[in-house]
Protein backbone atom coordinates (compact mmCIF):
# COMPACT_ATOMS: atom_id res chain seq x y z
CA MET A 1 -34.95 -9.59 -7.45
CA LEU A 2 -31.46 -8.84 -6.16
CA ALA A 3 -30.19 -7.25 -9.38
CA GLU A 4 -32.97 -4.62 -9.52
CA ALA A 5 -33.80 -4.33 -5.78
CA PRO A 6 -37.30 -2.93 -6.30
CA GLY A 7 -38.92 -1.19 -3.35
CA VAL A 8 -35.63 -0.70 -1.51
CA SER A 9 -35.11 2.77 -0.09
CA LYS A 10 -31.52 2.38 1.14
CA ILE A 11 -28.67 -0.03 0.35
CA ILE A 12 -25.93 -0.71 2.88
CA VAL A 13 -22.88 -2.82 2.13
CA ALA A 14 -20.96 -4.48 4.96
CA CYS A 15 -17.34 -3.98 3.89
CA GLY A 16 -14.78 -6.65 4.62
CA PHE A 17 -15.57 -10.30 5.26
CA THR A 18 -18.72 -11.78 6.79
CA ASP A 19 -19.28 -15.40 7.76
CA LEU A 20 -21.95 -16.42 5.26
CA ARG A 21 -22.90 -19.42 7.37
CA LEU A 22 -24.90 -16.91 9.42
CA GLY A 23 -28.63 -16.94 8.82
CA ILE A 24 -31.27 -14.30 9.42
CA ASN A 25 -30.79 -14.15 13.19
CA GLY A 26 -26.99 -13.99 13.01
CA LEU A 27 -26.91 -11.35 10.28
CA SER A 28 -29.51 -9.16 11.99
CA GLN A 29 -27.55 -9.41 15.25
CA LEU A 30 -24.38 -8.44 13.35
CA ILE A 31 -26.14 -5.38 11.93
CA GLY A 32 -27.12 -4.27 15.43
CA THR A 33 -23.89 -5.03 17.29
CA LYS A 34 -20.99 -4.63 14.86
CA TYR A 35 -22.43 -1.89 12.66
CA ASP A 36 -24.65 -0.21 15.30
CA MET A 37 -27.61 0.01 12.93
CA ASN A 38 -31.25 -0.94 13.23
CA PRO A 39 -31.86 -4.30 11.51
CA PHE A 40 -35.63 -3.63 11.63
CA GLU A 41 -35.48 -0.52 9.45
CA LYS A 42 -38.04 -1.16 6.71
CA ASP A 43 -36.94 -1.37 3.06
CA VAL A 44 -33.21 -1.22 3.84
CA LEU A 45 -31.14 -3.82 2.00
CA PHE A 46 -28.04 -5.02 3.86
CA LEU A 47 -25.41 -6.78 1.73
CA PHE A 48 -22.73 -9.19 2.99
CA CYS A 49 -19.87 -11.07 1.33
CA GLY A 50 -17.66 -13.85 2.63
CA LYS A 51 -14.04 -14.61 1.77
CA ARG A 52 -15.11 -16.19 -1.50
CA SER A 53 -16.16 -13.25 -3.61
CA ASP A 54 -18.42 -15.25 -5.90
CA ARG A 55 -21.37 -15.22 -3.48
CA ILE A 56 -23.23 -12.65 -1.42
CA LYS A 57 -26.13 -12.57 1.02
CA ALA A 58 -28.68 -9.82 1.40
CA LEU A 59 -31.05 -9.18 4.28
CA LEU A 60 -34.18 -7.07 4.01
CA TRP A 61 -36.79 -6.31 6.70
CA GLU A 62 -40.17 -5.96 4.99
CA GLY A 63 -42.12 -4.79 8.03
CA ASN A 64 -43.62 -8.17 8.88
CA GLY A 65 -40.61 -10.42 8.39
CA TYR A 66 -37.15 -10.78 6.89
CA LEU A 67 -36.27 -11.66 3.34
CA LEU A 68 -32.91 -13.45 3.02
CA LEU A 69 -31.41 -13.49 -0.46
CA TYR A 70 -28.36 -15.43 -1.62
CA LYS A 71 -26.59 -14.98 -4.92
CA ARG A 72 -23.78 -17.13 -6.29
CA LEU A 73 -22.12 -16.27 -9.56
CA GLU A 74 -21.40 -19.17 -11.88
CA ASP A 75 -18.49 -17.36 -13.48
CA GLY A 76 -16.66 -14.35 -12.10
CA LYS A 77 -16.51 -12.58 -8.75
CA PHE A 78 -17.94 -9.54 -7.05
CA SER A 79 -15.43 -6.76 -6.51
CA TRP A 80 -16.29 -6.35 -2.85
CA PRO A 81 -14.95 -3.42 -0.81
CA ARG A 82 -12.52 -4.96 1.68
CA ASP A 83 -11.14 -1.77 3.26
CA GLN A 84 -11.58 -0.67 6.86
CA VAL A 85 -14.93 1.10 6.32
CA GLU A 86 -17.36 -0.86 8.47
CA ALA A 87 -20.52 -0.24 6.48
CA ALA A 88 -21.24 2.10 3.60
CA ASN A 89 -24.40 3.50 2.07
CA LEU A 90 -24.63 2.86 -1.65
CA THR A 91 -26.45 4.89 -4.23
CA ARG A 92 -28.46 3.08 -6.93
CA GLU A 93 -25.62 3.72 -9.37
CA GLN A 94 -23.04 2.25 -6.98
CA TYR A 95 -25.30 -0.75 -6.38
CA SER A 96 -25.52 -1.32 -10.13
CA MET A 97 -21.72 -1.14 -10.31
CA LEU A 98 -21.44 -3.78 -7.57
CA MET A 99 -23.87 -6.09 -9.38
CA MET A 100 -21.77 -5.68 -12.55
CA GLY A 101 -18.64 -6.79 -10.70
CA LEU A 102 -17.10 -3.38 -9.99
CA ASN A 103 -16.01 -2.05 -6.61
CA PRO A 104 -18.52 0.76 -5.97
CA LEU A 105 -16.40 2.55 -3.36
CA LYS A 106 -13.06 2.50 -5.20
CA PRO A 107 -13.69 1.85 -8.89
CA LYS A 108 -10.57 1.27 -10.93
CA ILE A 109 -10.45 2.55 -14.45
CA ARG A 110 -8.03 0.53 -16.49
CA GLU A 111 -6.25 1.89 -19.49
CA VAL A 112 -7.46 0.29 -22.67
CA LYS A 113 -4.64 -0.51 -25.04
CA PRO A 114 -5.34 0.23 -28.69
CA ILE A 115 -5.85 -2.71 -30.97
CA LYS A 116 -2.99 -3.28 -33.35
CA THR A 117 -3.93 -3.45 -36.98
CA PHE A 118 -1.73 -5.24 -39.44
């Protein structure tokens, strides 16, 4: 569900750190107060990450109730944007980058060293 995000019209990532002990009520209040957005906007996926970058929470208002999603990676970490941007809209491509472990707002392209042949 979280990897494909079907039926989602907009994806918003909360940059920085979020206390993942918060549940639906706490996260929806955070959306309204800290980010000054409407937590009841239908089909908008809000993404949050704590200090440990191996787990994220997502909150989605479906029109008649919230859907709270939690993902923990067994191996590896999400490259979460930690800069001063409060919240950022992601495109589908940027969302795919995030799910692959890349920072969607500041992707780093590393130089690949050629393989030595003997």
